[in-house]
Amino acid sequence: LRGLPAPNRDDPRIDLAEAKLARRDWDSERALKAAKAAEIKGWKLGESQVVARALAFRGESAEIMGQLDEAIDLFRQAGALFEKSGNQAEVARMSFASGVVLGDQGHFDQAQKQFEAGLQIAQQLGSNHLAATQLSGLGLLRQARGELGPARSLLEKAYTFYKETGDQAFELRTTYFLAQLLWQ
């Protein structure tokens, strides 16, 4: 795509695709570089959704590199841009991402609020897949707090939603979480 003639080769969505591929390869530095390029181009073109997605990729890279405060800030910036454009599904995803980082930092009450906000959006949208993601986060948070009964209930509900939506990868991941919980 970068070999296309201008202006097509300069499309920020190419940079977003590169950031996504780099993230899948756990190449945080490459993902970060591509996300920054997409963000700059997105601002120049006035494409707020491109900028928001780029900020989310930057947040994921920061999280992987252990820069947790920066990750939360980037997820919040991305969420605000998604909110402004009315993209509620992405707002919920940014709530989840923030909740994960807050939980990793031991800020369980703040993390819970993020997951609950995301769950409320998922329910309003009628998205069982998005709800399952939030329920999974809440379940793992409860497990971290030592509340194993409520954690199991939340993870089982997430598992059911993933099964209903046909997402075998997340279904399997949730099975793993449940197995860990049962072992505990």
N, C-alpha and C. Protein backbone atom coordinates (compact mmCIF):
# COMPACT_ATOMS: atom_id res chain seq x y z
N LEU A 1 0.82 -1.21 0.00
CA LEU A 1 0.00 0.00 0.00
C LEU A 1 0.86 1.26 0.00
N ARG A 2 2.00 1.16 0.64
CA ARG A 2 2.87 2.34 0.69
C ARG A 2 3.47 2.64 -0.69
N GLY A 3 3.39 1.69 -1.62
CA GLY A 3 3.87 1.89 -2.98
C GLY A 3 2.85 2.55 -3.90
N LEU A 4 1.65 2.78 -3.38
CA LEU A 4 0.63 3.45 -4.18
C LEU A 4 1.03 4.89 -4.46
N PRO A 5 0.46 5.48 -5.49
CA PRO A 5 0.74 6.89 -5.74
C PRO A 5 0.10 7.77 -4.66
N ALA A 6 0.68 8.96 -4.47
CA ALA A 6 0.12 9.93 -3.52
C ALA A 6 -1.25 10.36 -4.03
N PRO A 7 -2.21 10.63 -3.22
CA PRO A 7 -2.17 10.69 -1.77
C PRO A 7 -2.51 9.35 -1.09
N ASN A 8 -2.83 8.33 -1.89
CA ASN A 8 -3.27 7.06 -1.30
C ASN A 8 -2.23 6.44 -0.38
N ARG A 9 -0.96 6.56 -0.74
CA ARG A 9 0.09 5.94 0.08
C ARG A 9 0.24 6.61 1.44
N ASP A 10 -0.32 7.81 1.58
CA ASP A 10 -0.22 8.56 2.83
C ASP A 10 -1.47 8.43 3.69
N ASP A 11 -2.36 7.54 3.33
CA ASP A 11 -3.60 7.33 4.09
C ASP A 11 -3.25 6.84 5.49
N PRO A 12 -3.75 7.51 6.54
CA PRO A 12 -3.41 7.10 7.91
C PRO A 12 -3.94 5.72 8.28
N ARG A 13 -4.89 5.23 7.52
CA ARG A 13 -5.40 3.88 7.81
C ARG A 13 -4.36 2.81 7.50
N ILE A 14 -3.42 3.12 6.63
CA ILE A 14 -2.31 2.20 6.38
C ILE A 14 -1.45 2.10 7.64
N ASP A 15 -1.21 3.24 8.27
CA ASP A 15 -0.44 3.25 9.52
C ASP A 15 -1.18 2.51 10.62
N LEU A 16 -2.50 2.67 10.67
CA LEU A 16 -3.30 1.93 11.67
C LEU A 16 -3.20 0.43 11.44
N ALA A 17 -3.23 0.02 10.17
CA ALA A 17 -3.10 -1.41 9.86
C ALA A 17 -1.73 -1.92 10.28
N GLU A 18 -0.70 -1.12 10.06
CA GLU A 18 0.63 -1.52 10.49
C GLU A 18 0.70 -1.62 12.02
N ALA A 19 0.10 -0.66 12.71
CA ALA A 19 0.09 -0.70 14.18
C ALA A 19 -0.62 -1.96 14.68
N LYS A 20 -1.71 -2.31 14.02
CA LYS A 20 -2.46 -3.51 14.42
C LYS A 20 -1.62 -4.77 14.22
N LEU A 21 -0.97 -4.86 13.08
CA LEU A 21 -0.12 -6.02 12.81
C LEU A 21 1.06 -6.09 13.78
N ALA A 22 1.65 -4.95 14.05
CA ALA A 22 2.79 -4.92 14.99
C ALA A 22 2.34 -5.33 16.39
N ARG A 23 1.15 -4.91 16.77
CA ARG A 23 0.63 -5.29 18.09
C ARG A 23 0.45 -6.80 18.17
N ARG A 24 -0.07 -7.37 17.11
CA ARG A 24 -0.26 -8.83 17.09
C ARG A 24 1.08 -9.58 17.20
N ASP A 25 2.14 -8.95 16.71
CA ASP A 25 3.48 -9.54 16.79
C ASP A 25 4.20 -9.14 18.08
N TRP A 26 3.52 -8.43 18.97
CA TRP A 26 4.09 -7.94 20.22
C TRP A 26 5.30 -7.04 19.97
N ASP A 27 5.26 -6.31 18.86
CA ASP A 27 6.32 -5.36 18.54
C ASP A 27 5.82 -3.97 18.93
N SER A 28 5.93 -3.66 20.21
CA SER A 28 5.37 -2.42 20.75
C SER A 28 5.99 -1.17 20.15
N GLU A 29 7.28 -1.21 19.90
CA GLU A 29 7.94 -0.02 19.34
C GLU A 29 7.45 0.27 17.93
N ARG A 30 7.31 -0.76 17.12
CA ARG A 30 6.80 -0.57 15.75
C ARG A 30 5.35 -0.13 15.78
N ALA A 31 4.56 -0.72 16.67
CA ALA A 31 3.15 -0.33 16.80
C ALA A 31 3.04 1.14 17.22
N LEU A 32 3.88 1.53 18.16
CA LEU A 32 3.86 2.91 18.64
C LEU A 32 4.24 3.89 17.53
N LYS A 33 5.27 3.56 16.78
CA LYS A 33 5.71 4.42 15.68
C LYS A 33 4.60 4.57 14.63
N ALA A 34 3.98 3.47 14.26
CA ALA A 34 2.91 3.52 13.26
C ALA A 34 1.69 4.27 13.80
N ALA A 35 1.38 4.08 15.07
CA ALA A 35 0.23 4.77 15.67
C ALA A 35 0.47 6.27 15.72
N LYS A 36 1.68 6.67 16.05
CA LYS A 36 2.00 8.10 16.08
C LYS A 36 1.87 8.71 14.69
N ALA A 37 2.33 7.99 13.68
CA ALA A 37 2.21 8.48 12.29
C ALA A 37 0.74 8.63 11.91
N ALA A 38 -0.08 7.65 12.28
CA ALA A 38 -1.51 7.71 11.98
C ALA A 38 -2.17 8.88 12.71
N GLU A 39 -1.75 9.09 13.95
CA GLU A 39 -2.33 10.19 14.73
C GLU A 39 -2.02 11.54 14.08
N ILE A 40 -0.79 11.75 13.70
CA ILE A 40 -0.39 13.02 13.08
C ILE A 40 -1.17 13.25 11.79
N LYS A 41 -1.22 12.23 10.95
CA LYS A 41 -1.94 12.34 9.67
C LYS A 41 -3.44 12.54 9.92
N GLY A 42 -3.97 11.83 10.92
CA GLY A 42 -5.39 11.95 11.24
C GLY A 42 -5.77 13.35 11.67
N TRP A 43 -4.92 13.96 12.52
CA TRP A 43 -5.18 15.35 12.93
C TRP A 43 -5.15 16.28 11.73
N LYS A 44 -4.17 16.10 10.85
CA LYS A 44 -4.05 16.96 9.67
C LYS A 44 -5.28 16.85 8.77
N LEU A 45 -5.83 15.64 8.69
CA LEU A 45 -6.99 15.42 7.81
C LEU A 45 -8.32 15.65 8.52
N GLY A 46 -8.29 15.89 9.83
CA GLY A 46 -9.51 16.10 10.59
C GLY A 46 -10.32 14.83 10.79
N GLU A 47 -9.64 13.69 10.80
CA GLU A 47 -10.31 12.39 10.96
C GLU A 47 -10.19 11.93 12.42
N SER A 48 -11.17 12.33 13.22
CA SER A 48 -11.10 12.08 14.66
C SER A 48 -11.13 10.59 15.01
N GLN A 49 -11.80 9.79 14.20
CA GLN A 49 -11.85 8.36 14.49
C GLN A 49 -10.50 7.69 14.24
N VAL A 50 -9.78 8.16 13.24
CA VAL A 50 -8.43 7.67 12.99
C VAL A 50 -7.53 8.07 14.16
N VAL A 51 -7.65 9.32 14.61
CA VAL A 51 -6.85 9.79 15.74
C VAL A 51 -7.17 8.97 16.99
N ALA A 52 -8.45 8.74 17.23
CA ALA A 52 -8.85 7.97 18.42
C ALA A 52 -8.29 6.56 18.37
N ARG A 53 -8.38 5.91 17.22
CA ARG A 53 -7.85 4.56 17.08
C ARG A 53 -6.34 4.57 17.30
N ALA A 54 -5.66 5.59 16.76
CA ALA A 54 -4.21 5.71 16.94
C ALA A 54 -3.87 5.90 18.41
N LEU A 55 -4.63 6.72 19.11
CA LEU A 55 -4.41 6.91 20.54
C LEU A 55 -4.61 5.60 21.31
N ALA A 56 -5.60 4.83 20.89
CA ALA A 56 -5.84 3.53 21.55
C ALA A 56 -4.65 2.59 21.32
N PHE A 57 -4.12 2.56 20.11
CA PHE A 57 -2.94 1.73 19.85
C PHE A 57 -1.75 2.22 20.66
N ARG A 58 -1.59 3.54 20.76
CA ARG A 58 -0.50 4.08 21.58
C ARG A 58 -0.69 3.67 23.04
N GLY A 59 -1.94 3.68 23.51
CA GLY A 59 -2.22 3.26 24.88
C GLY A 59 -1.86 1.80 25.11
N GLU A 60 -2.19 0.95 24.14
CA GLU A 60 -1.84 -0.47 24.26
C GLU A 60 -0.33 -0.66 24.31
N SER A 61 0.39 0.09 23.47
CA SER A 61 1.85 -0.01 23.47
C SER A 61 2.41 0.46 24.81
N ALA A 62 1.89 1.57 25.32
CA ALA A 62 2.35 2.08 26.61
C ALA A 62 2.09 1.07 27.71
N GLU A 63 0.93 0.42 27.66
CA GLU A 63 0.60 -0.59 28.66
C GLU A 63 1.60 -1.75 28.62
N ILE A 64 1.88 -2.23 27.44
CA ILE A 64 2.81 -3.35 27.28
C ILE A 64 4.21 -2.96 27.77
N MET A 65 4.58 -1.71 27.56
CA MET A 65 5.91 -1.25 27.97
C MET A 65 5.95 -0.83 29.44
N GLY A 66 4.82 -1.02 30.15
CA GLY A 66 4.80 -0.74 31.59
C GLY A 66 4.56 0.72 31.94
N GLN A 67 4.19 1.52 30.97
CA GLN A 67 3.91 2.94 31.20
C GLN A 67 2.41 3.09 31.45
N LEU A 68 1.98 2.66 32.63
CA LEU A 68 0.55 2.49 32.90
C LEU A 68 -0.20 3.82 33.01
N ASP A 69 0.38 4.82 33.64
CA ASP A 69 -0.30 6.12 33.73
C ASP A 69 -0.50 6.73 32.35
N GLU A 70 0.51 6.61 31.51
CA GLU A 70 0.40 7.12 30.14
C GLU A 70 -0.67 6.34 29.37
N ALA A 71 -0.71 5.03 29.58
CA ALA A 71 -1.71 4.20 28.90
C ALA A 71 -3.12 4.65 29.26
N ILE A 72 -3.37 4.87 30.54
CA ILE A 72 -4.71 5.31 30.96
C ILE A 72 -5.05 6.65 30.33
N ASP A 73 -4.09 7.57 30.32
CA ASP A 73 -4.32 8.88 29.73
C ASP A 73 -4.67 8.76 28.24
N LEU A 74 -3.94 7.92 27.53
CA LEU A 74 -4.21 7.73 26.10
C LEU A 74 -5.56 7.08 25.86
N PHE A 75 -5.93 6.08 26.69
CA PHE A 75 -7.24 5.45 26.55
C PHE A 75 -8.36 6.46 26.81
N ARG A 76 -8.16 7.33 27.78
CA ARG A 76 -9.17 8.36 28.08
C ARG A 76 -9.30 9.36 26.94
N GLN A 77 -8.17 9.77 26.36
CA GLN A 77 -8.21 10.68 25.21
C GLN A 77 -8.95 10.03 24.04
N ALA A 78 -8.63 8.78 23.79
CA ALA A 78 -9.29 8.06 22.69
C ALA A 78 -10.79 7.95 22.99
N GLY A 79 -11.13 7.59 24.22
CA GLY A 79 -12.53 7.46 24.61
C GLY A 79 -13.30 8.76 24.42
N ALA A 80 -12.66 9.88 24.75
CA ALA A 80 -13.32 11.19 24.59
C ALA A 80 -13.60 11.48 23.11
N LEU A 81 -12.66 11.14 22.24
CA LEU A 81 -12.89 11.35 20.81
C LEU A 81 -13.98 10.42 20.27
N PHE A 82 -13.96 9.16 20.73
CA PHE A 82 -15.02 8.24 20.32
C PHE A 82 -16.37 8.73 20.83
N GLU A 83 -16.40 9.22 22.05
CA GLU A 83 -17.64 9.74 22.64
C GLU A 83 -18.16 10.92 21.82
N LYS A 84 -17.28 11.81 21.47
CA LYS A 84 -17.66 13.01 20.71
C LYS A 84 -18.30 12.65 19.38
N SER A 85 -17.83 11.57 18.78
CA SER A 85 -18.37 11.15 17.48
C SER A 85 -19.57 10.21 17.61
N GLY A 86 -19.88 9.81 18.85
CA GLY A 86 -21.02 8.91 19.06
C GLY A 86 -20.69 7.44 18.90
N ASN A 87 -19.42 7.08 18.86
CA ASN A 87 -19.02 5.69 18.68
C ASN A 87 -18.99 5.00 20.05
N GLN A 88 -20.17 4.61 20.52
CA GLN A 88 -20.31 4.08 21.87
C GLN A 88 -19.61 2.73 22.07
N ALA A 89 -19.55 1.91 21.05
CA ALA A 89 -18.86 0.62 21.20
C ALA A 89 -17.39 0.84 21.53
N GLU A 90 -16.78 1.80 20.87
CA GLU A 90 -15.37 2.09 21.15
C GLU A 90 -15.20 2.78 22.50
N VAL A 91 -16.19 3.56 22.91
CA VAL A 91 -16.14 4.15 24.26
C VAL A 91 -16.09 3.03 25.29
N ALA A 92 -16.92 2.01 25.09
CA ALA A 92 -16.94 0.86 26.01
C ALA A 92 -15.61 0.12 25.98
N ARG A 93 -15.03 -0.03 24.82
CA ARG A 93 -13.72 -0.71 24.72
C ARG A 93 -12.63 0.07 25.44
N MET A 94 -12.69 1.40 25.36
CA MET A 94 -11.71 2.22 26.07
C MET A 94 -11.94 2.17 27.59
N SER A 95 -13.20 2.05 28.00
CA SER A 95 -13.49 1.85 29.43
C SER A 95 -12.88 0.55 29.91
N PHE A 96 -13.02 -0.50 29.09
CA PHE A 96 -12.44 -1.79 29.44
C PHE A 96 -10.92 -1.69 29.54
N ALA A 97 -10.30 -1.08 28.53
CA ALA A 97 -8.84 -0.96 28.53
C ALA A 97 -8.35 -0.19 29.75
N SER A 98 -9.04 0.90 30.08
CA SER A 98 -8.68 1.66 31.28
C SER A 98 -8.87 0.84 32.53
N GLY A 99 -9.95 0.07 32.58
CA GLY A 99 -10.22 -0.78 33.74
C GLY A 99 -9.13 -1.82 33.96
N VAL A 100 -8.65 -2.40 32.88
CA VAL A 100 -7.59 -3.40 32.99
C VAL A 100 -6.34 -2.77 33.61
N VAL A 101 -5.96 -1.61 33.10
CA VAL A 101 -4.75 -0.95 33.61
C VAL A 101 -4.94 -0.52 35.06
N LEU A 102 -6.09 0.04 35.37
CA LEU A 102 -6.35 0.45 36.76
C LEU A 102 -6.31 -0.76 37.69
N GLY A 103 -6.84 -1.88 37.24
CA GLY A 103 -6.79 -3.10 38.03
C GLY A 103 -5.36 -3.57 38.23
N ASP A 104 -4.55 -3.48 37.18
CA ASP A 104 -3.14 -3.85 37.27
C ASP A 104 -2.40 -2.96 38.27
N GLN A 105 -2.85 -1.72 38.40
CA GLN A 105 -2.23 -0.80 39.35
C GLN A 105 -2.77 -0.98 40.77
N GLY A 106 -3.77 -1.85 40.93
CA GLY A 106 -4.35 -2.07 42.25
C GLY A 106 -5.47 -1.10 42.61
N HIS A 107 -5.91 -0.32 41.64
CA HIS A 107 -7.01 0.63 41.86
C HIS A 107 -8.33 -0.06 41.52
N PHE A 108 -8.70 -1.01 42.36
CA PHE A 108 -9.83 -1.89 42.06
C PHE A 108 -11.16 -1.15 41.97
N ASP A 109 -11.41 -0.19 42.84
CA ASP A 109 -12.68 0.53 42.79
C ASP A 109 -12.82 1.33 41.50
N GLN A 110 -11.74 1.98 41.08
CA GLN A 110 -11.77 2.73 39.83
C GLN A 110 -11.91 1.80 38.63
N ALA A 111 -11.24 0.67 38.70
CA ALA A 111 -11.34 -0.31 37.61
C ALA A 111 -12.77 -0.82 37.50
N GLN A 112 -13.38 -1.11 38.64
CA GLN A 112 -14.76 -1.59 38.63
C GLN A 112 -15.69 -0.58 37.98
N LYS A 113 -15.50 0.68 38.28
CA LYS A 113 -16.34 1.73 37.68
C LYS A 113 -16.18 1.74 36.16
N GLN A 114 -14.96 1.55 35.69
CA GLN A 114 -14.73 1.52 34.24
C GLN A 114 -15.44 0.33 33.59
N PHE A 115 -15.30 -0.85 34.20
CA PHE A 115 -15.97 -2.05 33.64
C PHE A 115 -17.49 -1.89 33.68
N GLU A 116 -18.01 -1.34 34.76
CA GLU A 116 -19.46 -1.16 34.87
C GLU A 116 -19.97 -0.15 33.85
N ALA A 117 -19.20 0.91 33.61
CA ALA A 117 -19.59 1.90 32.59
C ALA A 117 -19.61 1.24 31.21
N GLY A 118 -18.60 0.44 30.94
CA GLY A 118 -18.56 -0.28 29.66
C GLY A 118 -19.69 -1.27 29.52
N LEU A 119 -20.02 -1.95 30.63
CA LEU A 119 -21.12 -2.91 30.60
C LEU A 119 -22.45 -2.21 30.33
N GLN A 120 -22.64 -1.07 30.93
CA GLN A 120 -23.88 -0.32 30.70
C GLN A 120 -24.02 0.05 29.22
N ILE A 121 -22.94 0.50 28.62
CA ILE A 121 -22.97 0.84 27.19
C ILE A 121 -23.27 -0.41 26.36
N ALA A 122 -22.60 -1.51 26.69
CA ALA A 122 -22.81 -2.76 25.95
C ALA A 122 -24.27 -3.19 26.01
N GLN A 123 -24.87 -3.06 27.18
CA GLN A 123 -26.28 -3.44 27.33
C GLN A 123 -27.18 -2.51 26.53
N GLN A 124 -26.86 -1.22 26.52
CA GLN A 124 -27.65 -0.26 25.74
C GLN A 124 -27.55 -0.56 24.25
N LEU A 125 -26.38 -1.00 23.82
CA LEU A 125 -26.17 -1.33 22.41
C LEU A 125 -26.73 -2.71 22.06
N GLY A 126 -27.00 -3.53 23.07
CA GLY A 126 -27.47 -4.89 22.84
C GLY A 126 -26.36 -5.81 22.35
N SER A 127 -25.14 -5.50 22.73
CA SER A 127 -23.98 -6.29 22.27
C SER A 127 -23.55 -7.27 23.36
N ASN A 128 -23.90 -8.54 23.16
CA ASN A 128 -23.49 -9.56 24.12
C ASN A 128 -21.98 -9.76 24.11
N HIS A 129 -21.36 -9.61 22.97
CA HIS A 129 -19.91 -9.78 22.91
C HIS A 129 -19.22 -8.70 23.73
N LEU A 130 -19.63 -7.47 23.55
CA LEU A 130 -19.06 -6.36 24.31
C LEU A 130 -19.37 -6.50 25.79
N ALA A 131 -20.57 -6.97 26.10
CA ALA A 131 -20.93 -7.20 27.51
C ALA A 131 -20.06 -8.29 28.11
N ALA A 132 -19.79 -9.34 27.34
CA ALA A 132 -18.95 -10.44 27.83
C ALA A 132 -17.56 -9.94 28.19
N THR A 133 -17.04 -9.05 27.40
CA THR A 133 -15.71 -8.49 27.68
C THR A 133 -15.71 -7.77 29.02
N GLN A 134 -16.72 -6.95 29.24
CA GLN A 134 -16.82 -6.20 30.51
C GLN A 134 -17.04 -7.15 31.69
N LEU A 135 -17.89 -8.15 31.49
CA LEU A 135 -18.16 -9.12 32.56
C LEU A 135 -16.89 -9.90 32.90
N SER A 136 -16.11 -10.21 31.89
CA SER A 136 -14.85 -10.90 32.12
C SER A 136 -13.92 -10.03 32.98
N GLY A 137 -13.84 -8.77 32.64
CA GLY A 137 -13.02 -7.85 33.43
C GLY A 137 -13.50 -7.76 34.86
N LEU A 138 -14.82 -7.66 35.04
CA LEU A 138 -15.38 -7.61 36.40
C LEU A 138 -15.10 -8.91 37.15
N GLY A 139 -15.20 -10.04 36.46
CA GLY A 139 -14.95 -11.33 37.10
C GLY A 139 -13.51 -11.46 37.56
N LEU A 140 -12.59 -11.06 36.70
CA LEU A 140 -11.17 -11.13 37.07
C LEU A 140 -10.84 -10.16 38.20
N LEU A 141 -11.51 -9.03 38.21
CA LEU A 141 -11.33 -8.07 39.30
C LEU A 141 -11.83 -8.65 40.62
N ARG A 142 -12.99 -9.28 40.58
CA ARG A 142 -13.53 -9.92 41.79
C ARG A 142 -12.60 -11.03 42.27
N GLN A 143 -12.04 -11.77 41.32
CA GLN A 143 -11.10 -12.83 41.69
C GLN A 143 -9.87 -12.24 42.38
N ALA A 144 -9.36 -11.14 41.85
CA ALA A 144 -8.20 -10.49 42.45
C ALA A 144 -8.50 -10.01 43.86
N ARG A 145 -9.75 -9.67 44.11
CA ARG A 145 -10.17 -9.23 45.45
C ARG A 145 -10.44 -10.41 46.38
N GLY A 146 -10.39 -11.62 45.84
CA GLY A 146 -10.67 -12.80 46.66
C GLY A 146 -12.14 -13.15 46.76
N GLU A 147 -12.97 -12.52 45.93
CA GLU A 147 -14.42 -12.76 45.93
C GLU A 147 -14.72 -13.82 44.87
N LEU A 148 -14.42 -15.07 45.20
CA LEU A 148 -14.43 -16.14 44.21
C LEU A 148 -15.83 -16.50 43.72
N GLY A 149 -16.83 -16.51 44.59
CA GLY A 149 -18.19 -16.84 44.17
C GLY A 149 -18.72 -15.86 43.12
N PRO A 150 -18.71 -14.55 43.43
CA PRO A 150 -19.16 -13.57 42.43
C PRO A 150 -18.29 -13.59 41.17
N ALA A 151 -16.99 -13.83 41.34
CA ALA A 151 -16.10 -13.90 40.18
C ALA A 151 -16.52 -15.03 39.25
N ARG A 152 -16.81 -16.18 39.83
CA ARG A 152 -17.23 -17.33 39.02
C ARG A 152 -18.52 -17.03 38.26
N SER A 153 -19.46 -16.43 38.93
CA SER A 153 -20.74 -16.10 38.29
C SER A 153 -20.53 -15.17 37.09
N LEU A 154 -19.71 -14.15 37.27
CA LEU A 154 -19.45 -13.20 36.19
C LEU A 154 -18.72 -13.86 35.02
N LEU A 155 -17.73 -14.67 35.33
CA LEU A 155 -16.99 -15.35 34.26
C LEU A 155 -17.84 -16.37 33.52
N GLU A 156 -18.73 -17.05 34.25
CA GLU A 156 -19.64 -18.00 33.59
C GLU A 156 -20.60 -17.28 32.66
N LYS A 157 -21.07 -16.12 33.08
CA LYS A 157 -21.96 -15.34 32.21
C LYS A 157 -21.19 -14.85 30.97
N ALA A 158 -19.96 -14.41 31.16
CA ALA A 158 -19.13 -13.99 30.03
C ALA A 158 -18.93 -15.16 29.07
N TYR A 159 -18.64 -16.33 29.62
CA TYR A 159 -18.44 -17.53 28.81
C TYR A 159 -19.69 -17.82 27.97
N THR A 160 -20.85 -17.73 28.59
CA THR A 160 -22.12 -17.98 27.89
C THR A 160 -22.30 -17.01 26.73
N PHE A 161 -22.02 -15.74 26.97
CA PHE A 161 -22.15 -14.74 25.91
C PHE A 161 -21.18 -15.00 24.77
N TYR A 162 -19.93 -15.35 25.12
CA TYR A 162 -18.96 -15.64 24.06
C TYR A 162 -19.40 -16.86 23.25
N LYS A 163 -19.92 -17.85 23.93
CA LYS A 163 -20.39 -19.06 23.24
C LYS A 163 -21.54 -18.71 22.29
N GLU A 164 -22.49 -17.89 22.77
CA GLU A 164 -23.63 -17.47 21.96
C GLU A 164 -23.20 -16.68 20.73
N THR A 165 -22.15 -15.88 20.87
CA THR A 165 -21.70 -15.05 19.74
C THR A 165 -20.75 -15.80 18.82
N GLY A 166 -20.36 -17.02 19.22
CA GLY A 166 -19.51 -17.84 18.37
C GLY A 166 -18.04 -17.46 18.39
N ASP A 167 -17.63 -16.71 19.40
CA ASP A 167 -16.22 -16.32 19.49
C ASP A 167 -15.46 -17.39 20.26
N GLN A 168 -14.93 -18.35 19.52
CA GLN A 168 -14.27 -19.49 20.15
C GLN A 168 -12.99 -19.11 20.88
N ALA A 169 -12.27 -18.12 20.37
CA ALA A 169 -11.03 -17.70 21.02
C ALA A 169 -11.31 -17.13 22.41
N PHE A 170 -12.29 -16.25 22.50
CA PHE A 170 -12.61 -15.67 23.80
C PHE A 170 -13.33 -16.67 24.70
N GLU A 171 -14.08 -17.55 24.10
CA GLU A 171 -14.72 -18.64 24.86
C GLU A 171 -13.63 -19.49 25.53
N LEU A 172 -12.61 -19.84 24.77
CA LEU A 172 -11.51 -20.64 25.30
C LEU A 172 -10.74 -19.88 26.37
N ARG A 173 -10.49 -18.60 26.12
CA ARG A 173 -9.78 -17.78 27.10
C ARG A 173 -10.55 -17.71 28.41
N THR A 174 -11.87 -17.57 28.32
CA THR A 174 -12.69 -17.49 29.52
C THR A 174 -12.73 -18.84 30.23
N THR A 175 -12.68 -19.92 29.47
CA THR A 175 -12.58 -21.26 30.08
C THR A 175 -11.30 -21.35 30.91
N TYR A 176 -10.22 -20.82 30.38
CA TYR A 176 -8.95 -20.80 31.10
C TYR A 176 -9.09 -20.00 32.40
N PHE A 177 -9.72 -18.82 32.32
CA PHE A 177 -9.92 -18.01 33.52
C PHE A 177 -10.75 -18.76 34.56
N LEU A 178 -11.79 -19.44 34.09
CA LEU A 178 -12.63 -20.22 35.01
C LEU A 178 -11.84 -21.36 35.64
N ALA A 179 -11.00 -22.01 34.86
CA ALA A 179 -10.18 -23.10 35.40
C ALA A 179 -9.23 -22.58 36.47
N GLN A 180 -8.62 -21.43 36.22
CA GLN A 180 -7.75 -20.83 37.22
C GLN A 180 -8.53 -20.51 38.51
N LEU A 181 -9.72 -19.97 38.33
CA LEU A 181 -10.56 -19.63 39.47
C LEU A 181 -10.94 -20.88 40.26
N LEU A 182 -11.33 -21.94 39.58
CA LEU A 182 -11.71 -23.17 40.25
C LEU A 182 -10.50 -23.77 40.97
N TRP A 183 -9.33 -23.68 40.37
CA TRP A 183 -8.12 -24.18 41.02
C TRP A 183 -7.86 -23.40 42.32
N GLN A 184 -8.06 -22.10 42.23
CA GLN A 184 -7.86 -21.24 43.40
C GLN A 184 -8.85 -21.59 44.49
